[in-house]
Amino acid sequence: MPLTVLEINAAKPGLRPVKQHDVGQKDKQLQSKGESSVQGRDSTGNEQDSGSVKTDKPYKMADGGGLYLEVDPSGGKYWRFKYRFPKEKRISLGVYPDVGLADARKERDNCREQLAKGIDPGVARKAQKAARVGNAVNSFEIVAREWLAKFMDPRKESHRKRVYARFENDIFPYLGGRPIAEITPMELLGVIKKIEDRGAGDTRNNWLLF
């Protein structure tokens, strides 16, 4: 059965939920694993099974389609996706409640779509991460600061500060995080237009001649 938010919120570390009718059948298995049934008491004081078993290990709560929630003994709740490509693999989909049930299912569905196309979701994630790191290293601000350090730092202090200020005030807020290879002439013109709109014509002219 798919998980519900109530079940997820009720999940506690060290207490693995077990279906009521399965508890008696699993007592021997639990004892061999160092686990035991959790007993409660009803209104008459008689012991009754609460439907949970004690465990000092992480346990899983399946949602379906390879998605499950792993509850850690420390209390953390982690979304995992299990799949085969061609051997069994697992990838993390985030931490609950930062990643909610609906978002985790959406990520699972995206992974299943990749599998249907012959793409390993784990490999695809690593490639995306590498691309983000590469883009950050080659962002406009990183490259510009390397250039400034090489050509502006040896200049007169007043000139160096003026040039740095222009980049930091007029360019980095808009293009600093963009991969330098992806910046288009229209984006540059858009930034120059912003400088014009605030009435800094001299600065605009300096950029055009820079």
N, C-alpha and C. Protein backbone atom coordinates (compact mmCIF):
# COMPACT_ATOMS: atom_id res chain seq x y z
N MET A 1 0.84 -1.20 0.00
CA MET A 1 0.00 0.00 0.00
C MET A 1 0.87 1.25 0.00
N PRO A 2 0.47 2.28 -0.77
CA PRO A 2 1.24 3.53 -0.77
C PRO A 2 1.26 4.17 0.61
N LEU A 3 2.29 4.92 0.88
CA LEU A 3 2.41 5.60 2.16
C LEU A 3 1.45 6.79 2.23
N THR A 4 1.16 7.21 3.43
CA THR A 4 0.41 8.43 3.66
C THR A 4 1.29 9.36 4.50
N VAL A 5 0.97 10.65 4.47
CA VAL A 5 1.73 11.62 5.26
C VAL A 5 1.60 11.30 6.75
N LEU A 6 0.43 10.84 7.18
CA LEU A 6 0.23 10.49 8.58
C LEU A 6 1.15 9.36 9.00
N GLU A 7 1.29 8.34 8.15
CA GLU A 7 2.18 7.22 8.46
C GLU A 7 3.63 7.68 8.55
N ILE A 8 4.01 8.56 7.62
CA ILE A 8 5.39 9.06 7.61
C ILE A 8 5.69 9.86 8.87
N ASN A 9 4.75 10.74 9.23
CA ASN A 9 4.96 11.58 10.42
C ASN A 9 4.97 10.74 11.70
N ALA A 10 4.22 9.63 11.69
CA ALA A 10 4.13 8.78 12.87
C ALA A 10 5.32 7.84 13.02
N ALA A 11 6.08 7.67 11.95
CA ALA A 11 7.21 6.74 11.98
C ALA A 11 8.26 7.22 12.98
N LYS A 12 8.70 6.31 13.84
CA LYS A 12 9.65 6.65 14.88
C LYS A 12 10.91 5.79 14.77
N PRO A 13 12.06 6.36 15.10
CA PRO A 13 13.29 5.57 15.08
C PRO A 13 13.22 4.46 16.13
N GLY A 14 13.69 3.27 15.73
CA GLY A 14 13.71 2.15 16.68
C GLY A 14 12.41 1.41 16.81
N LEU A 15 11.36 1.85 16.12
CA LEU A 15 10.06 1.18 16.16
C LEU A 15 9.56 0.95 14.74
N ARG A 16 9.80 -0.22 14.23
CA ARG A 16 9.42 -0.53 12.85
C ARG A 16 7.97 -0.99 12.79
N PRO A 17 7.12 -0.30 12.00
CA PRO A 17 5.71 -0.71 11.89
C PRO A 17 5.59 -2.08 11.25
N VAL A 18 4.68 -2.88 11.77
CA VAL A 18 4.40 -4.21 11.23
C VAL A 18 2.89 -4.39 11.18
N LYS A 19 2.39 -4.99 10.10
CA LYS A 19 0.96 -5.24 10.00
C LYS A 19 0.51 -6.13 11.17
N GLN A 20 -0.65 -5.82 11.71
CA GLN A 20 -1.12 -6.48 12.92
C GLN A 20 -1.13 -8.00 12.78
N HIS A 21 -1.63 -8.53 11.65
CA HIS A 21 -1.78 -9.97 11.53
C HIS A 21 -0.45 -10.67 11.25
N ASP A 22 0.59 -9.87 10.95
CA ASP A 22 1.89 -10.47 10.68
C ASP A 22 2.77 -10.57 11.91
N VAL A 23 2.41 -9.87 12.98
CA VAL A 23 3.30 -9.78 14.13
C VAL A 23 3.58 -11.14 14.74
N GLY A 24 2.51 -11.91 15.00
CA GLY A 24 2.70 -13.21 15.63
C GLY A 24 3.56 -14.13 14.80
N GLN A 25 3.39 -14.11 13.48
CA GLN A 25 4.13 -14.98 12.59
C GLN A 25 5.61 -14.62 12.55
N LYS A 26 5.92 -13.35 12.85
CA LYS A 26 7.29 -12.89 12.70
C LYS A 26 8.07 -12.84 14.01
N ASP A 27 7.44 -13.21 15.13
CA ASP A 27 8.11 -13.11 16.41
C ASP A 27 9.44 -13.86 16.43
N LYS A 28 9.44 -15.08 15.90
CA LYS A 28 10.67 -15.86 15.92
C LYS A 28 11.75 -15.22 15.07
N GLN A 29 11.34 -14.68 13.89
CA GLN A 29 12.31 -14.03 13.02
C GLN A 29 12.90 -12.80 13.71
N LEU A 30 12.03 -12.05 14.40
CA LEU A 30 12.48 -10.84 15.08
C LEU A 30 13.47 -11.16 16.18
N GLN A 31 13.21 -12.23 16.93
CA GLN A 31 14.10 -12.61 18.01
C GLN A 31 15.47 -12.99 17.48
N SER A 32 15.50 -13.65 16.31
CA SER A 32 16.78 -14.03 15.74
C SER A 32 17.57 -12.83 15.24
N LYS A 33 16.87 -11.71 14.98
CA LYS A 33 17.53 -10.49 14.52
C LYS A 33 17.80 -9.51 15.66
N GLY A 34 17.50 -9.93 16.88
CA GLY A 34 17.71 -9.04 18.02
C GLY A 34 16.60 -8.03 18.19
N GLU A 35 15.41 -8.30 17.59
CA GLU A 35 14.28 -7.41 17.70
C GLU A 35 13.19 -8.07 18.53
N SER A 36 12.23 -7.31 18.96
CA SER A 36 11.14 -7.86 19.74
C SER A 36 9.86 -7.07 19.50
N SER A 37 8.71 -7.74 19.67
CA SER A 37 7.43 -7.05 19.51
C SER A 37 7.25 -6.03 20.63
N VAL A 38 6.63 -4.91 20.27
CA VAL A 38 6.33 -3.87 21.26
C VAL A 38 4.93 -4.12 21.78
N GLN A 39 4.80 -4.32 23.08
CA GLN A 39 3.51 -4.61 23.67
C GLN A 39 2.94 -3.39 24.37
N GLY A 40 1.62 -3.21 24.25
CA GLY A 40 0.95 -2.13 24.95
C GLY A 40 -0.13 -2.73 25.85
N ARG A 41 -0.97 -1.90 26.44
CA ARG A 41 -2.05 -2.40 27.29
C ARG A 41 -3.36 -1.74 26.89
N ASP A 42 -4.43 -2.53 26.87
CA ASP A 42 -5.72 -1.96 26.54
C ASP A 42 -6.36 -1.36 27.80
N SER A 43 -7.64 -0.97 27.69
CA SER A 43 -8.30 -0.29 28.80
C SER A 43 -8.48 -1.19 30.02
N THR A 44 -8.42 -2.53 29.84
CA THR A 44 -8.58 -3.45 30.97
C THR A 44 -7.25 -3.82 31.59
N GLY A 45 -6.15 -3.32 31.00
CA GLY A 45 -4.84 -3.62 31.56
C GLY A 45 -4.18 -4.83 30.94
N ASN A 46 -4.86 -5.47 29.98
CA ASN A 46 -4.29 -6.64 29.32
C ASN A 46 -3.31 -6.20 28.24
N GLU A 47 -2.24 -6.98 28.05
CA GLU A 47 -1.26 -6.65 27.03
C GLU A 47 -1.87 -6.85 25.64
N GLN A 48 -1.52 -5.96 24.73
CA GLN A 48 -1.95 -6.10 23.35
C GLN A 48 -0.82 -5.66 22.43
N ASP A 49 -0.83 -6.18 21.22
CA ASP A 49 0.25 -5.86 20.29
C ASP A 49 0.00 -4.50 19.66
N SER A 50 1.01 -3.65 19.64
CA SER A 50 0.85 -2.31 19.09
C SER A 50 1.10 -2.26 17.59
N GLY A 51 1.58 -3.34 16.99
CA GLY A 51 1.84 -3.34 15.56
C GLY A 51 3.21 -2.79 15.21
N SER A 52 4.12 -2.71 16.18
CA SER A 52 5.47 -2.24 15.92
C SER A 52 6.45 -3.19 16.57
N VAL A 53 7.68 -3.20 16.06
CA VAL A 53 8.72 -4.02 16.64
C VAL A 53 9.94 -3.17 16.91
N LYS A 54 10.63 -3.46 18.00
CA LYS A 54 11.83 -2.72 18.33
C LYS A 54 12.98 -3.14 17.42
N THR A 55 13.77 -2.19 17.04
CA THR A 55 14.95 -2.48 16.23
C THR A 55 15.97 -1.37 16.42
N ASP A 56 17.24 -1.74 16.38
CA ASP A 56 18.29 -0.73 16.48
C ASP A 56 18.92 -0.46 15.12
N LYS A 57 18.23 -0.90 14.07
CA LYS A 57 18.72 -0.72 12.70
C LYS A 57 17.79 0.20 11.91
N PRO A 58 18.27 0.77 10.80
CA PRO A 58 17.37 1.53 9.92
C PRO A 58 16.29 0.61 9.36
N TYR A 59 15.10 1.12 9.16
CA TYR A 59 14.06 0.30 8.54
C TYR A 59 13.41 1.05 7.39
N LYS A 60 12.77 0.29 6.50
CA LYS A 60 12.20 0.86 5.29
C LYS A 60 10.68 0.86 5.35
N MET A 61 10.09 1.89 4.74
CA MET A 61 8.65 1.97 4.57
C MET A 61 8.38 2.16 3.08
N ALA A 62 7.88 1.12 2.44
CA ALA A 62 7.71 1.14 0.99
C ALA A 62 6.52 1.98 0.57
N ASP A 63 6.69 2.72 -0.54
CA ASP A 63 5.59 3.50 -1.11
C ASP A 63 5.12 2.90 -2.43
N GLY A 64 6.02 2.23 -3.13
CA GLY A 64 5.65 1.62 -4.41
C GLY A 64 6.51 2.14 -5.55
N GLY A 65 6.67 1.31 -6.57
CA GLY A 65 7.43 1.72 -7.74
C GLY A 65 8.91 1.91 -7.49
N GLY A 66 9.42 1.28 -6.43
CA GLY A 66 10.83 1.41 -6.11
C GLY A 66 11.13 2.49 -5.08
N LEU A 67 10.13 3.30 -4.74
CA LEU A 67 10.32 4.38 -3.77
C LEU A 67 10.06 3.87 -2.35
N TYR A 68 10.95 4.22 -1.43
CA TYR A 68 10.71 3.89 -0.04
C TYR A 68 11.34 4.94 0.87
N LEU A 69 10.85 4.98 2.09
CA LEU A 69 11.39 5.89 3.11
C LEU A 69 12.22 5.08 4.08
N GLU A 70 13.46 5.51 4.30
CA GLU A 70 14.33 4.83 5.25
C GLU A 70 14.39 5.66 6.54
N VAL A 71 14.00 5.05 7.64
CA VAL A 71 14.00 5.72 8.93
C VAL A 71 15.25 5.29 9.70
N ASP A 72 16.12 6.24 9.97
CA ASP A 72 17.40 5.97 10.62
C ASP A 72 17.22 5.94 12.14
N PRO A 73 18.03 5.14 12.84
CA PRO A 73 17.95 5.11 14.31
C PRO A 73 18.12 6.48 14.96
N SER A 74 18.82 7.40 14.27
CA SER A 74 19.02 8.74 14.82
C SER A 74 17.79 9.63 14.64
N GLY A 75 16.81 9.15 13.84
CA GLY A 75 15.58 9.91 13.64
C GLY A 75 15.42 10.49 12.25
N GLY A 76 16.48 10.43 11.44
CA GLY A 76 16.39 10.96 10.08
C GLY A 76 15.50 10.09 9.19
N LYS A 77 14.82 10.74 8.24
CA LYS A 77 13.95 10.03 7.31
C LYS A 77 14.40 10.36 5.89
N TYR A 78 14.85 9.35 5.16
CA TYR A 78 15.50 9.56 3.87
C TYR A 78 14.74 8.83 2.75
N TRP A 79 14.48 9.57 1.68
CA TRP A 79 13.84 8.96 0.52
C TRP A 79 14.88 8.23 -0.31
N ARG A 80 14.57 6.99 -0.71
CA ARG A 80 15.44 6.20 -1.57
C ARG A 80 14.64 5.65 -2.75
N PHE A 81 15.35 5.47 -3.86
CA PHE A 81 14.73 4.83 -5.03
C PHE A 81 15.57 3.62 -5.40
N LYS A 82 14.92 2.46 -5.42
CA LYS A 82 15.60 1.20 -5.75
C LYS A 82 15.23 0.79 -7.17
N TYR A 83 16.24 0.42 -7.96
CA TYR A 83 15.99 0.02 -9.34
C TYR A 83 17.06 -0.97 -9.80
N ARG A 84 16.89 -1.50 -10.98
CA ARG A 84 17.87 -2.43 -11.55
C ARG A 84 18.39 -1.88 -12.87
N PHE A 85 19.74 -1.85 -13.02
CA PHE A 85 20.31 -1.35 -14.27
C PHE A 85 21.77 -1.82 -14.44
N PRO A 86 22.04 -3.02 -14.86
CA PRO A 86 21.13 -4.17 -14.85
C PRO A 86 21.04 -4.79 -13.46
N LYS A 87 22.05 -4.48 -12.59
CA LYS A 87 22.01 -5.00 -11.22
C LYS A 87 21.24 -4.02 -10.34
N GLU A 88 20.92 -4.47 -9.13
CA GLU A 88 20.16 -3.63 -8.21
C GLU A 88 20.98 -2.44 -7.73
N LYS A 89 20.36 -1.26 -7.77
CA LYS A 89 21.02 -0.03 -7.33
C LYS A 89 20.05 0.81 -6.51
N ARG A 90 20.60 1.77 -5.80
CA ARG A 90 19.78 2.70 -5.02
C ARG A 90 20.34 4.10 -5.14
N ILE A 91 19.45 5.09 -5.16
CA ILE A 91 19.89 6.48 -5.14
C ILE A 91 19.03 7.25 -4.14
N SER A 92 19.59 8.32 -3.61
CA SER A 92 18.87 9.15 -2.64
C SER A 92 18.02 10.19 -3.36
N LEU A 93 16.81 10.42 -2.86
CA LEU A 93 15.91 11.41 -3.44
C LEU A 93 15.65 12.57 -2.48
N GLY A 94 16.40 12.63 -1.38
CA GLY A 94 16.23 13.74 -0.46
C GLY A 94 15.82 13.31 0.94
N VAL A 95 15.67 14.29 1.80
CA VAL A 95 15.36 14.06 3.21
C VAL A 95 13.97 14.60 3.52
N TYR A 96 13.19 13.82 4.21
CA TYR A 96 11.86 14.25 4.66
C TYR A 96 12.02 15.03 5.96
N PRO A 97 11.33 16.17 6.17
CA PRO A 97 10.24 16.72 5.37
C PRO A 97 10.67 17.76 4.33
N ASP A 98 11.99 18.00 4.18
CA ASP A 98 12.43 18.95 3.15
C ASP A 98 11.89 18.55 1.78
N VAL A 99 11.93 17.25 1.51
CA VAL A 99 11.32 16.70 0.30
C VAL A 99 10.07 15.95 0.73
N GLY A 100 8.92 16.48 0.37
CA GLY A 100 7.66 15.87 0.79
C GLY A 100 7.31 14.63 -0.02
N LEU A 101 6.22 13.99 0.36
CA LEU A 101 5.79 12.76 -0.29
C LEU A 101 5.51 12.97 -1.77
N ALA A 102 4.80 14.03 -2.13
CA ALA A 102 4.46 14.30 -3.53
C ALA A 102 5.72 14.54 -4.36
N ASP A 103 6.68 15.31 -3.80
CA ASP A 103 7.92 15.59 -4.53
C ASP A 103 8.75 14.33 -4.70
N ALA A 104 8.78 13.49 -3.68
CA ALA A 104 9.53 12.24 -3.77
C ALA A 104 8.94 11.34 -4.86
N ARG A 105 7.63 11.30 -4.95
CA ARG A 105 6.99 10.49 -5.99
C ARG A 105 7.28 11.06 -7.38
N LYS A 106 7.33 12.38 -7.47
CA LYS A 106 7.65 13.01 -8.75
C LYS A 106 9.08 12.64 -9.18
N GLU A 107 10.00 12.67 -8.23
CA GLU A 107 11.39 12.29 -8.53
C GLU A 107 11.46 10.82 -8.94
N ARG A 108 10.70 9.97 -8.23
CA ARG A 108 10.66 8.56 -8.60
C ARG A 108 10.15 8.38 -10.03
N ASP A 109 9.08 9.08 -10.38
CA ASP A 109 8.53 8.96 -11.72
C ASP A 109 9.54 9.43 -12.78
N ASN A 110 10.29 10.50 -12.46
CA ASN A 110 11.32 10.97 -13.40
C ASN A 110 12.39 9.89 -13.60
N CYS A 111 12.77 9.24 -12.50
CA CYS A 111 13.77 8.17 -12.59
C CYS A 111 13.24 7.01 -13.42
N ARG A 112 11.99 6.67 -13.25
CA ARG A 112 11.41 5.56 -14.00
C ARG A 112 11.31 5.90 -15.49
N GLU A 113 11.06 7.17 -15.80
CA GLU A 113 11.05 7.59 -17.20
C GLU A 113 12.44 7.46 -17.81
N GLN A 114 13.46 7.80 -17.04
CA GLN A 114 14.83 7.65 -17.53
C GLN A 114 15.15 6.18 -17.79
N LEU A 115 14.73 5.32 -16.87
CA LEU A 115 14.96 3.89 -17.05
C LEU A 115 14.28 3.37 -18.31
N ALA A 116 13.07 3.86 -18.57
CA ALA A 116 12.33 3.44 -19.76
C ALA A 116 13.05 3.84 -21.05
N LYS A 117 13.88 4.89 -20.96
CA LYS A 117 14.65 5.36 -22.11
C LYS A 117 16.05 4.74 -22.16
N GLY A 118 16.31 3.82 -21.22
CA GLY A 118 17.62 3.18 -21.19
C GLY A 118 18.68 4.00 -20.50
N ILE A 119 18.26 4.93 -19.64
CA ILE A 119 19.20 5.80 -18.93
C ILE A 119 19.27 5.38 -17.46
N ASP A 120 20.48 5.26 -16.95
CA ASP A 120 20.69 4.94 -15.53
C ASP A 120 20.50 6.23 -14.74
N PRO A 121 19.48 6.33 -13.87
CA PRO A 121 19.23 7.56 -13.12
C PRO A 121 20.43 7.99 -12.27
N GLY A 122 21.14 7.03 -11.70
CA GLY A 122 22.30 7.36 -10.88
C GLY A 122 23.40 8.01 -11.68
N VAL A 123 23.68 7.46 -12.86
CA VAL A 123 24.70 8.02 -13.74
C VAL A 123 24.28 9.40 -14.23
N ALA A 124 22.99 9.54 -14.57
CA ALA A 124 22.48 10.82 -15.05
C ALA A 124 22.64 11.90 -13.98
N ARG A 125 22.41 11.54 -12.72
CA ARG A 125 22.56 12.51 -11.64
C ARG A 125 24.01 12.96 -11.49
N LYS A 126 24.93 12.02 -11.58
CA LYS A 126 26.34 12.37 -11.46
C LYS A 126 26.76 13.30 -12.59
N ALA A 127 26.24 13.04 -13.80
CA ALA A 127 26.57 13.89 -14.94
C ALA A 127 26.03 15.30 -14.76
N GLN A 128 24.80 15.40 -14.23
CA GLN A 128 24.20 16.71 -13.99
C GLN A 128 24.98 17.49 -12.93
N LYS A 129 25.42 16.77 -11.89
CA LYS A 129 26.19 17.42 -10.83
C LYS A 129 27.53 17.93 -11.38
N ALA A 130 28.18 17.10 -12.21
CA ALA A 130 29.45 17.50 -12.80
C ALA A 130 29.27 18.72 -13.69
N ALA A 131 28.15 18.77 -14.41
CA ALA A 131 27.89 19.91 -15.29
C ALA A 131 27.68 21.18 -14.47
N ARG A 132 26.97 21.06 -13.33
CA ARG A 132 26.75 22.23 -12.48
C ARG A 132 28.07 22.75 -11.91
N VAL A 133 28.92 21.81 -11.49
CA VAL A 133 30.23 22.20 -10.96
C VAL A 133 31.05 22.87 -12.04
N GLY A 134 31.01 22.30 -13.26
CA GLY A 134 31.77 22.88 -14.37
C GLY A 134 31.28 24.27 -14.71
N ASN A 135 29.96 24.46 -14.69
CA ASN A 135 29.40 25.78 -14.98
C ASN A 135 29.81 26.79 -13.92
N ALA A 136 29.83 26.35 -12.64
CA ALA A 136 30.22 27.26 -11.57
C ALA A 136 31.67 27.70 -11.72
N VAL A 137 32.53 26.74 -12.07
CA VAL A 137 33.95 27.05 -12.24
C VAL A 137 34.17 28.01 -13.40
N ASN A 138 33.32 27.89 -14.44
CA ASN A 138 33.46 28.72 -15.63
C ASN A 138 32.42 29.84 -15.69
N SER A 139 31.92 30.22 -14.54
CA SER A 139 30.94 31.30 -14.52
C SER A 139 31.62 32.62 -14.89
N PHE A 140 30.81 33.57 -15.32
CA PHE A 140 31.34 34.88 -15.73
C PHE A 140 32.13 35.52 -14.59
N GLU A 141 31.59 35.46 -13.37
CA GLU A 141 32.26 36.13 -12.25
C GLU A 141 33.61 35.51 -11.95
N ILE A 142 33.69 34.18 -11.96
CA ILE A 142 34.96 33.51 -11.68
C ILE A 142 36.01 33.88 -12.71
N VAL A 143 35.62 33.80 -14.00
CA VAL A 143 36.56 34.13 -15.08
C VAL A 143 36.94 35.61 -15.03
N ALA A 144 35.95 36.47 -14.77
CA ALA A 144 36.21 37.91 -14.73
C ALA A 144 37.17 38.27 -13.60
N ARG A 145 36.99 37.64 -12.45
CA ARG A 145 37.87 37.95 -11.33
C ARG A 145 39.30 37.47 -11.59
N GLU A 146 39.43 36.37 -12.29
CA GLU A 146 40.78 35.92 -12.67
C GLU A 146 41.43 36.94 -13.60
N TRP A 147 40.64 37.45 -14.55
CA TRP A 147 41.15 38.46 -15.48
C TRP A 147 41.51 39.74 -14.75
N LEU A 148 40.65 40.18 -13.83
CA LEU A 148 40.90 41.40 -13.06
C LEU A 148 42.18 41.27 -12.23
N ALA A 149 42.36 40.11 -11.60
CA ALA A 149 43.55 39.92 -10.78
C ALA A 149 44.83 40.00 -11.61
N LYS A 150 44.72 39.54 -12.87
CA LYS A 150 45.91 39.53 -13.73
C LYS A 150 46.20 40.90 -14.33
N PHE A 151 45.15 41.61 -14.76
CA PHE A 151 45.37 42.86 -15.50
C PHE A 151 45.09 44.14 -14.70
N MET A 152 44.23 44.05 -13.67
CA MET A 152 43.87 45.26 -12.94
C MET A 152 44.66 45.44 -11.64
N ASP A 153 44.99 44.37 -10.95
CA ASP A 153 45.68 44.49 -9.66
C ASP A 153 46.99 45.27 -9.74
N PRO A 154 47.79 45.12 -10.83
CA PRO A 154 49.04 45.87 -10.89
C PRO A 154 48.83 47.36 -11.19
N ARG A 155 47.61 47.76 -11.56
CA ARG A 155 47.35 49.15 -11.92
C ARG A 155 47.30 50.05 -10.68
N LYS A 156 47.14 51.33 -10.94
CA LYS A 156 47.00 52.31 -9.87
C LYS A 156 45.81 51.96 -9.01
N GLU A 157 45.96 52.11 -7.68
CA GLU A 157 44.93 51.68 -6.73
C GLU A 157 43.56 52.29 -7.03
N SER A 158 43.51 53.58 -7.31
CA SER A 158 42.22 54.23 -7.56
C SER A 158 41.55 53.66 -8.80
N HIS A 159 42.33 53.41 -9.85
CA HIS A 159 41.79 52.84 -11.08
C HIS A 159 41.31 51.41 -10.84
N ARG A 160 42.09 50.64 -10.12
CA ARG A 160 41.73 49.25 -9.83
C ARG A 160 40.41 49.18 -9.07
N LYS A 161 40.25 50.03 -8.05
CA LYS A 161 39.02 50.02 -7.27
C LYS A 161 37.82 50.43 -8.12
N ARG A 162 38.03 51.39 -9.02
CA ARG A 162 36.94 51.87 -9.86
C ARG A 162 36.46 50.76 -10.80
N VAL A 163 37.40 50.04 -11.39
CA VAL A 163 37.03 48.96 -12.31
C VAL A 163 36.34 47.82 -11.56
N TYR A 164 36.88 47.43 -10.41
CA TYR A 164 36.25 46.37 -9.61
C TYR A 164 34.82 46.77 -9.24
N ALA A 165 34.64 48.03 -8.84
CA ALA A 165 33.31 48.50 -8.44
C ALA A 165 32.31 48.40 -9.59
N ARG A 166 32.76 48.69 -10.80
CA ARG A 166 31.86 48.61 -11.97
C ARG A 166 31.40 47.18 -12.19
N PHE A 167 32.33 46.26 -12.09
CA PHE A 167 31.94 44.85 -12.26
C PHE A 167 30.98 44.42 -11.15
N GLU A 168 31.31 44.75 -9.92
CA GLU A 168 30.51 44.28 -8.79
C GLU A 168 29.14 44.94 -8.72
N ASN A 169 29.03 46.18 -9.19
CA ASN A 169 27.75 46.89 -9.13
C ASN A 169 26.89 46.70 -10.38
N ASP A 170 27.53 46.61 -11.54
CA ASP A 170 26.78 46.64 -12.80
C ASP A 170 26.69 45.30 -13.54
N ILE A 171 27.62 44.39 -13.28
CA ILE A 171 27.67 43.17 -14.08
C ILE A 171 27.40 41.91 -13.26
N PHE A 172 28.15 41.71 -12.18
CA PHE A 172 28.03 40.47 -11.43
C PHE A 172 26.62 40.18 -10.93
N PRO A 173 25.84 41.20 -10.49
CA PRO A 173 24.49 40.88 -10.01
C PRO A 173 23.59 40.26 -11.08
N TYR A 174 23.89 40.50 -12.35
CA TYR A 174 23.04 40.02 -13.45
C TYR A 174 23.64 38.85 -14.22
N LEU A 175 24.95 38.84 -14.39
CA LEU A 175 25.58 37.81 -15.22
C LEU A 175 26.62 36.99 -14.46
N GLY A 176 26.89 37.34 -13.21
CA GLY A 176 27.97 36.69 -12.47
C GLY A 176 27.86 35.19 -12.39
N GLY A 177 26.66 34.65 -12.21
CA GLY A 177 26.50 33.22 -12.06
C GLY A 177 26.31 32.46 -13.35
N ARG A 178 26.26 33.15 -14.48
CA ARG A 178 26.02 32.50 -15.78
C ARG A 178 27.31 31.89 -16.33
N PRO A 179 27.24 30.68 -16.92
CA PRO A 179 28.41 30.12 -17.61
C PRO A 179 28.83 31.08 -18.71
N ILE A 180 30.08 31.42 -18.77
CA ILE A 180 30.53 32.47 -19.68
C ILE A 180 30.28 32.11 -21.14
N ALA A 181 30.34 30.82 -21.47
CA ALA A 181 30.14 30.39 -22.85
C ALA A 181 28.70 30.53 -23.30
N GLU A 182 27.77 30.69 -22.34
CA GLU A 182 26.35 30.75 -22.69
C GLU A 182 25.80 32.17 -22.73
N ILE A 183 26.61 33.16 -22.36
CA ILE A 183 26.14 34.54 -22.35
C ILE A 183 26.03 35.07 -23.77
N THR A 184 24.90 35.65 -24.10
CA THR A 184 24.64 36.12 -25.46
C THR A 184 24.82 37.64 -25.55
N PRO A 185 25.03 38.16 -26.76
CA PRO A 185 25.13 39.62 -26.94
C PRO A 185 23.90 40.35 -26.42
N MET A 186 22.72 39.74 -26.58
CA MET A 186 21.50 40.38 -26.11
C MET A 186 21.49 40.52 -24.59
N GLU A 187 22.07 39.55 -23.89
CA GLU A 187 22.15 39.66 -22.44
C GLU A 187 23.06 40.81 -22.04
N LEU A 188 24.17 40.96 -22.74
CA LEU A 188 25.09 42.07 -22.45
C LEU A 188 24.42 43.42 -22.71
N LEU A 189 23.68 43.49 -23.82
CA LEU A 189 22.97 44.73 -24.12
C LEU A 189 21.92 45.03 -23.07
N GLY A 190 21.30 43.97 -22.54
CA GLY A 190 20.30 44.16 -21.50
C GLY A 190 20.90 44.75 -20.24
N VAL A 191 22.12 44.31 -19.89
CA VAL A 191 22.80 44.85 -18.71
C VAL A 191 23.17 46.31 -18.95
N ILE A 192 23.66 46.63 -20.15
CA ILE A 192 24.01 48.01 -20.47
C ILE A 192 22.77 48.91 -20.42
N LYS A 193 21.63 48.35 -20.85
CA LYS A 193 20.37 49.10 -20.80
C LYS A 193 20.00 49.43 -19.35
N LYS A 194 20.26 48.50 -18.43
CA LYS A 194 19.97 48.75 -17.02
C LYS A 194 20.82 49.91 -16.50
N ILE A 195 22.09 49.97 -16.97
CA ILE A 195 22.97 51.06 -16.55
C ILE A 195 22.43 52.39 -17.08
N GLU A 196 21.96 52.38 -18.32
CA GLU A 196 21.38 53.58 -18.91
C GLU A 196 20.15 54.04 -18.13
N ASP A 197 19.30 53.07 -17.76
CA ASP A 197 18.04 53.39 -17.10
C ASP A 197 18.24 54.07 -15.75
N ARG A 198 19.36 53.80 -15.09
CA ARG A 198 19.60 54.46 -13.81
C ARG A 198 20.40 55.76 -13.98
N GLY A 199 20.57 56.17 -15.24
CA GLY A 199 21.16 57.47 -15.51
C GLY A 199 22.66 57.53 -15.41
N ALA A 200 23.33 56.37 -15.50
CA ALA A 200 24.79 56.34 -15.42
C ALA A 200 25.37 56.25 -16.83
N GLY A 201 25.18 57.31 -17.61
CA GLY A 201 25.64 57.30 -18.99
C GLY A 201 27.14 57.15 -19.14
N ASP A 202 27.90 57.81 -18.25
CA ASP A 202 29.35 57.72 -18.33
C ASP A 202 29.83 56.29 -18.11
N THR A 203 29.21 55.63 -17.13
CA THR A 203 29.58 54.24 -16.87
C THR A 203 29.25 53.37 -18.06
N ARG A 204 28.08 53.65 -18.69
CA ARG A 204 27.67 52.90 -19.88
C ARG A 204 28.71 53.06 -20.98
N ASN A 205 29.15 54.29 -21.21
CA ASN A 205 30.14 54.54 -22.26
C ASN A 205 31.47 53.86 -21.96
N ASN A 206 31.83 53.83 -20.70
CA ASN A 206 33.06 53.15 -20.31
C ASN A 206 33.00 51.67 -20.59
N TRP A 207 31.81 51.06 -20.33
CA TRP A 207 31.66 49.65 -20.60
C TRP A 207 31.75 49.37 -22.10
N LEU A 208 31.17 50.23 -22.90
CA LEU A 208 31.21 50.03 -24.35
C LEU A 208 32.63 50.14 -24.88
N LEU A 209 33.47 50.91 -24.18
CA LEU A 209 34.85 51.08 -24.62
C LEU A 209 35.81 50.15 -23.90
N PHE A 210 35.30 49.42 -22.89
CA PHE A 210 36.18 48.64 -22.01
C PHE A 210 36.88 47.53 -22.78
